[in-house]
Amino acid sequence: MTLPSISVIIPTYGPNAPSRDKLLRDTLANVLEQDYPSFEILVVDQTPTHEPETQAYLEHLTKEKKISWYRVNWASLPGARNYGVRRAS
């Protein structure tokens, strides 16, 4: 039986707050640990800046093609979800 492919869209917005950055890193780590065979992760990032640790983590995951990371310069949670849906495979 072929399982459907799943797109996990993670919109993120907020000031550069350590708790938000940690939540984003933890969320990505938990999704990447899943054993489901066919999924993609799209991060629609509306946060102007991140802590250096989070910035490096996002860059690493993008380089390794584990996530698709989209940085946008506007803030809208529904808009970010729609943006991710339009880019999902």
Protein backbone atom coordinates (compact mmCIF):
# COMPACT_ATOMS: atom_id res chain seq x y z
CA MET A 1 0.00 0.00 0.00
CA THR A 2 1.35 3.41 -0.97
CA LEU A 3 1.06 6.01 1.75
CA PRO A 4 0.16 9.58 0.77
CA SER A 5 2.81 12.27 0.84
CA ILE A 6 2.29 14.82 3.59
CA SER A 7 3.33 18.48 3.66
CA VAL A 8 4.03 19.91 7.10
CA ILE A 9 3.72 23.69 6.91
CA ILE A 10 5.19 25.60 9.84
CA PRO A 11 4.44 29.33 9.83
CA THR A 12 6.51 31.31 12.30
CA TYR A 13 6.36 34.92 13.38
CA GLY A 14 7.45 36.94 16.31
CA PRO A 15 10.13 39.09 17.78
CA ASN A 16 13.52 37.56 18.30
CA ALA A 17 12.55 35.85 21.53
CA PRO A 18 14.57 32.90 22.84
CA SER A 19 11.42 30.96 23.73
CA ARG A 20 10.05 31.25 20.16
CA ASP A 21 13.35 30.24 18.59
CA LYS A 22 13.65 27.24 20.92
CA LEU A 23 10.07 26.23 20.11
CA LEU A 24 10.85 26.38 16.38
CA ARG A 25 14.03 24.29 16.77
CA ASP A 26 12.21 21.74 18.94
CA THR A 27 9.28 21.54 16.51
CA LEU A 28 11.57 20.91 13.54
CA ALA A 29 13.60 18.31 15.45
CA ASN A 30 10.43 16.45 16.46
CA VAL A 31 8.97 16.44 12.95
CA LEU A 32 12.29 15.22 11.51
CA GLU A 33 12.30 12.32 14.01
CA GLN A 34 9.04 10.91 12.62
CA ASP A 35 9.26 7.58 10.85
CA TYR A 36 6.57 8.34 8.27
CA PRO A 37 8.24 7.63 4.92
CA SER A 38 6.91 10.44 2.75
CA PHE A 39 6.75 14.00 4.04
CA GLU A 40 8.15 17.43 3.41
CA ILE A 41 8.61 20.34 5.80
CA LEU A 42 8.00 23.91 4.68
CA VAL A 43 8.88 26.72 7.08
CA VAL A 44 7.27 30.04 6.18
CA ASP A 45 9.34 32.43 8.24
CA GLN A 46 7.95 35.87 9.01
CA THR A 47 10.45 36.54 11.79
CA PRO A 48 12.84 39.39 10.95
CA THR A 49 15.82 37.92 12.83
CA HIS A 50 16.67 34.77 14.75
CA GLU A 51 19.15 33.87 17.44
CA PRO A 52 22.44 32.77 15.85
CA GLU A 53 21.82 29.15 16.93
CA THR A 54 18.41 29.05 15.25
CA GLN A 55 19.67 30.84 12.15
CA ALA A 56 22.49 28.30 11.77
CA TYR A 57 20.08 25.39 12.35
CA LEU A 58 17.66 26.62 9.67
CA GLU A 59 20.51 27.20 7.22
CA HIS A 60 21.90 23.72 7.90
CA LEU A 61 18.54 21.97 7.43
CA THR A 62 17.94 23.91 4.22
CA LYS A 63 21.39 23.06 2.86
CA GLU A 64 20.85 19.38 3.70
CA LYS A 65 17.46 19.60 1.89
CA LYS A 66 15.60 18.48 5.00
CA ILE A 67 13.35 21.54 4.93
CA SER A 68 12.24 24.22 2.52
CA TRP A 69 12.69 27.59 4.22
CA TYR A 70 10.81 30.59 2.88
CA ARG A 71 11.51 34.01 4.38
CA VAL A 72 8.79 36.58 3.81
CA ASN A 73 8.63 40.20 4.92
CA TRP A 74 4.97 40.38 5.90
CA ALA A 75 3.02 39.01 8.84
CA SER A 76 -0.16 36.99 8.40
CA LEU A 77 -0.67 33.53 9.83
CA PRO A 78 -3.38 32.53 7.31
CA GLY A 79 -1.34 34.10 4.51
CA ALA A 80 1.74 32.14 5.59
CA ARG A 81 -0.21 28.88 5.55
CA ASN A 82 -1.56 29.65 2.08
CA TYR A 83 1.95 30.57 0.92
CA GLY A 84 3.17 27.17 2.12
CA VAL A 85 0.28 25.30 0.50
CA ARG A 86 1.04 26.92 -2.87
CA ARG A 87 4.66 25.73 -2.63
CA ALA A 88 3.99 22.21 -1.36
CA SER A 89 4.71 19.30 -3.67
